[in-house]
Amino acid sequence: MEISGSMSLVGYGIATLGPAIAIGLIFAALINGIARQPEAAGLLRPQAIFGFAVAEALAILGFVLFFINN
């Protein structure tokens, strides 16, 4: 039995776990913060969206680098 394929594909799959966990933690903190202080929702929401964008950019960067290396 011969195993063929690219290890970079496995590496990209593992690399997507970091941003996925980060996005989950960001929105969990947002929900927790709004539940504790509903009047602060206007201040918390833009920061959470910015954090989501940064974490998602890391995943997209890894995706692009996967194709550049192949």
Protein backbone atom coordinates (compact mmCIF):
# COMPACT_ATOMS: atom_id res chain seq x y z
CA MET A 1 0.00 0.00 0.00
CA GLU A 2 1.48 3.30 -1.09
CA ILE A 3 0.52 6.65 0.39
CA SER A 4 0.64 9.53 -2.02
CA GLY A 5 -0.37 13.15 -1.76
CA SER A 6 0.87 16.39 -0.41
CA MET A 7 1.80 16.96 3.20
CA SER A 8 1.09 20.67 2.70
CA LEU A 9 -2.58 19.75 2.36
CA VAL A 10 -2.46 18.14 5.79
CA GLY A 11 -0.57 21.17 7.09
CA TYR A 12 -3.26 23.51 5.79
CA GLY A 13 -5.94 21.41 7.43
CA ILE A 14 -4.15 21.64 10.76
CA ALA A 15 -3.50 25.36 10.26
CA THR A 16 -7.22 26.08 9.92
CA LEU A 17 -7.83 24.85 13.45
CA GLY A 18 -6.19 27.94 14.99
CA PRO A 19 -8.43 30.52 13.29
CA ALA A 20 -11.49 28.34 13.86
CA ILE A 21 -10.84 28.16 17.58
CA ALA A 22 -10.05 31.88 17.67
CA ILE A 23 -13.34 32.78 15.98
CA GLY A 24 -15.24 30.60 18.42
CA LEU A 25 -13.54 32.24 21.38
CA ILE A 26 -14.13 35.75 19.99
CA PHE A 27 -17.86 35.27 19.61
CA ALA A 28 -18.15 33.39 22.90
CA ALA A 29 -16.57 36.40 24.61
CA LEU A 30 -18.91 38.72 22.71
CA ILE A 31 -22.00 36.82 23.82
CA ASN A 32 -20.70 36.69 27.39
CA GLY A 33 -19.95 40.42 27.41
CA ILE A 34 -23.34 41.39 25.99
CA ALA A 35 -25.09 39.09 28.45
CA ARG A 36 -23.30 40.77 31.35
CA GLN A 37 -23.71 44.36 30.12
CA PRO A 38 -26.30 44.74 27.34
CA GLU A 39 -25.68 48.50 27.15
CA ALA A 40 -22.08 47.83 26.03
CA ALA A 41 -23.18 45.90 22.94
CA GLY A 42 -22.44 48.87 20.69
CA LEU A 43 -18.84 48.99 21.89
CA LEU A 44 -18.22 45.24 21.91
CA ARG A 45 -19.66 44.33 18.51
CA PRO A 46 -17.19 46.30 16.31
CA GLN A 47 -14.23 44.93 18.25
CA ALA A 48 -15.53 41.39 17.81
CA ILE A 49 -16.02 41.91 14.07
CA PHE A 50 -12.46 43.25 13.77
CA GLY A 51 -11.13 40.24 15.69
CA PHE A 52 -13.12 37.93 13.42
CA ALA A 53 -11.66 39.63 10.34
CA VAL A 54 -8.09 39.27 11.60
CA ALA A 55 -8.56 35.60 12.50
CA GLU A 56 -10.24 34.88 9.17
CA ALA A 57 -7.44 36.67 7.32
CA LEU A 58 -4.95 34.22 8.84
CA ALA A 59 -6.96 31.29 7.49
CA ILE A 60 -7.22 32.87 4.04
CA LEU A 61 -3.49 33.65 4.06
CA GLY A 62 -2.73 30.00 4.81
CA PHE A 63 -5.04 28.95 1.97
CA VAL A 64 -3.30 31.27 -0.49
CA LEU A 65 0.15 30.15 0.62
CA PHE A 66 -0.89 26.54 0.07
CA PHE A 67 -1.63 27.28 -3.58
CA ILE A 68 1.48 29.41 -4.05
CA ASN A 69 3.71 26.58 -2.83
CA ASN A 70 2.08 24.01 -5.13
